[in-house]
Protein backbone atom coordinates (compact mmCIF):
# COMPACT_ATOMS: atom_id res chain seq x y z
CA MET A 1 112.93 92.87 87.39
CA ASN A 2 115.31 90.85 89.57
CA GLU A 3 118.04 93.46 89.09
CA LEU A 4 115.72 96.24 90.25
CA GLN A 5 114.72 94.17 93.25
CA SER A 6 118.35 93.53 94.16
CA ILE A 7 119.26 97.23 93.93
CA ILE A 8 116.25 98.23 96.05
CA GLU A 9 117.01 95.61 98.71
CA GLN A 10 120.64 96.76 98.91
CA ALA A 11 119.61 100.40 99.24
CA TRP A 12 117.14 99.48 101.96
CA GLU A 13 119.97 97.95 103.99
CA ASN A 14 122.49 100.69 103.17
CA ARG A 15 120.93 104.13 102.80
CA ALA A 16 124.27 105.60 101.68
CA LEU A 17 123.52 103.97 98.31
CA LEU A 18 120.79 106.58 97.82
CA GLN A 19 123.59 108.88 96.67
CA ASP A 20 124.38 106.50 93.79
CA THR A 21 122.84 107.27 90.39
CA LYS A 22 122.27 103.57 89.69
CA THR A 23 120.19 103.32 92.85
CA THR A 24 118.12 106.45 92.24
CA ASP A 25 117.51 105.37 88.64
CA ALA A 26 116.27 101.98 89.88
CA ILE A 27 113.93 103.59 92.40
CA ARG A 28 112.52 105.89 89.74
CA ALA A 29 112.12 102.94 87.35
CA VAL A 30 110.01 101.11 89.94
CA ILE A 31 107.84 104.20 90.41
CA GLU A 32 107.38 104.45 86.63
CA LEU A 33 106.36 100.77 86.47
CA LEU A 34 103.85 101.39 89.26
CA ASP A 35 102.46 104.44 87.45
CA ALA A 36 102.15 102.43 84.23
CA GLY A 37 100.28 99.65 86.04
CA LYS A 38 102.97 97.08 85.21
CA LEU A 39 103.91 96.54 88.85
CA ARG A 40 101.86 96.43 92.04
CA VAL A 41 102.71 96.90 95.70
CA ALA A 42 100.19 94.18 96.55
CA GLU A 43 98.55 91.50 94.42
CA PRO A 44 95.54 89.29 95.05
CA LYS A 45 96.50 85.68 95.76
CA GLY A 46 93.44 83.51 96.19
CA ASP A 47 91.38 84.92 99.06
CA SER A 48 94.13 87.18 100.37
CA TRP A 49 96.70 89.72 99.22
CA GLN A 50 100.43 89.26 98.82
CA VAL A 51 102.58 92.33 99.46
CA ASN A 52 105.61 92.82 97.23
CA GLU A 53 107.89 94.04 100.01
CA TRP A 54 110.67 95.21 97.70
CA VAL A 55 108.21 97.41 95.78
CA LYS A 56 106.94 98.86 99.05
CA LYS A 57 110.54 99.60 100.02
CA ALA A 58 111.10 101.36 96.68
CA VAL A 59 108.13 103.64 97.38
CA VAL A 60 109.51 104.51 100.82
CA LEU A 61 112.99 105.12 99.38
CA TYR A 62 111.53 107.37 96.69
CA PHE A 63 110.76 110.17 99.17
CA PRO A 64 114.32 110.91 100.37
CA ILE A 65 115.70 111.09 96.82
CA GLN A 66 113.31 113.88 95.81
CA LYS A 67 114.80 117.35 95.67
């Protein structure tokens, strides 16, 4: 999971990486994990919710890589 997070964070800072297959594969892997219920954009933590920012970024980055 840390490798996916690293790739997503790098792509967020450098959108040119969206042309790289490794990056698009990582974004799609995050979406698949979300669809499977193995990953969440936000999780309950006590009385509040914690947002997984890198997952949110992956969702946003997913749109420009669609053809």
